[in-house]
């Protein structure tokens, strides 16, 4: 049986630049349906987040907090891309 990864790559970009890049153990935020979490091995997924914090958790309890007027989060093949200020 294949083992699930413990982390996944994350890239945050806007139209002009790459804002942040790293690895995460989880991401949490809220969309129009409610609170959601992204964990390693998550199914492919696309959502829009409006004016809600996006919390990126990494090892050693390190946490990043990003908030944008509108952001699109995509998960594909265990890679997360966040497109900010859409």
Protein backbone atom coordinates (compact mmCIF):
# COMPACT_ATOMS: atom_id res chain seq x y z
CA UNK A 1 0.00 0.00 0.00
CA UNK A 2 1.28 3.48 -0.91
CA UNK A 3 2.00 5.77 2.04
CA UNK A 4 0.37 9.22 2.17
CA UNK A 5 2.77 12.19 2.06
CA UNK A 6 3.10 14.21 5.26
CA UNK A 7 3.31 17.58 3.53
CA UNK A 8 2.62 19.25 0.20
CA UNK A 9 4.04 22.18 -1.80
CA UNK A 10 2.21 25.53 -1.74
CA UNK A 11 2.66 28.55 -4.01
CA UNK A 12 0.87 31.89 -3.56
CA UNK A 13 0.94 34.24 -6.55
CA UNK A 14 -0.81 37.30 -7.89
CA UNK A 15 -0.71 38.78 -11.38
CA UNK A 16 2.70 40.39 -10.77
CA UNK A 17 4.74 38.15 -8.49
CA UNK A 18 5.20 35.00 -6.45
CA UNK A 19 4.25 36.02 -2.91
CA UNK A 20 5.18 32.89 -0.98
CA UNK A 21 6.41 29.37 -1.67
CA UNK A 22 6.99 26.53 0.75
CA UNK A 23 5.61 23.27 2.11
CA UNK A 24 2.66 22.78 4.43
CA UNK A 25 1.15 20.10 6.62
CA UNK A 26 -2.31 21.68 6.36
CA UNK A 27 -4.24 24.69 5.10
CA UNK A 28 -7.47 26.00 6.62
CA UNK A 29 -9.90 28.64 5.43
CA UNK A 30 -13.58 29.33 4.79
CA UNK A 31 -15.48 29.46 1.49
CA UNK A 32 -19.16 30.10 0.69
CA UNK A 33 -20.09 26.62 1.97
CA UNK A 34 -18.14 26.85 5.25
CA UNK A 35 -14.86 25.98 6.94
CA UNK A 36 -12.52 23.59 5.13
CA UNK A 37 -9.10 22.01 5.65
CA UNK A 38 -6.59 20.75 3.12
CA UNK A 39 -4.38 17.88 4.25
CA UNK A 40 -1.72 15.83 2.44
CA UNK A 41 -3.27 13.57 -0.20
CA UNK A 42 -6.38 15.77 -0.57
CA UNK A 43 -8.54 15.13 -3.64
CA UNK A 44 -8.27 17.58 -6.53
CA UNK A 45 -10.27 20.67 -5.54
CA UNK A 46 -10.93 24.28 -6.59
CA UNK A 47 -12.53 26.93 -4.40
CA UNK A 48 -12.83 30.68 -4.01
CA UNK A 49 -12.13 32.43 -0.71
CA UNK A 50 -13.33 35.99 -0.13
CA UNK A 51 -12.04 38.16 2.73
CA UNK A 52 -11.26 35.14 4.93
CA UNK A 53 -7.89 34.20 6.40
CA UNK A 54 -5.99 31.37 4.73
CA UNK A 55 -3.91 29.63 7.41
CA UNK A 56 -0.92 27.61 6.24
CA UNK A 57 0.60 25.32 8.88
CA UNK A 58 4.10 23.86 8.57
CA UNK A 59 6.44 21.86 10.81
CA UNK A 60 7.53 23.11 14.22
CA UNK A 61 4.14 24.83 14.70
CA UNK A 62 5.09 27.51 12.17
CA UNK A 63 2.06 29.22 10.74
CA UNK A 64 1.45 31.67 7.91
CA UNK A 65 -1.69 33.79 7.72
CA UNK A 66 -2.77 35.38 4.43
CA UNK A 67 -5.97 37.34 3.72
CA UNK A 68 -7.05 38.63 0.31
CA UNK A 69 -10.19 40.29 -1.02
CA UNK A 70 -10.57 37.30 -3.37
CA UNK A 71 -8.37 34.23 -3.80
CA UNK A 72 -8.72 31.01 -5.76
CA UNK A 73 -7.24 27.87 -4.21
CA UNK A 74 -6.52 24.86 -6.40
CA UNK A 75 -5.29 21.44 -5.36
CA UNK A 76 -4.05 19.11 -8.06
CA UNK A 77 -1.92 16.03 -7.55
CA UNK A 78 -1.07 17.08 -3.97
CA UNK A 79 0.15 20.56 -5.04
CA UNK A 80 -1.63 23.70 -3.85
CA UNK A 81 -1.67 26.96 -5.76
CA UNK A 82 -3.31 30.07 -4.36
CA UNK A 83 -4.05 32.88 -6.80
CA UNK A 84 -4.53 36.09 -4.82
CA UNK A 85 -6.19 39.43 -5.54
CA UNK A 86 -8.20 38.05 -8.45
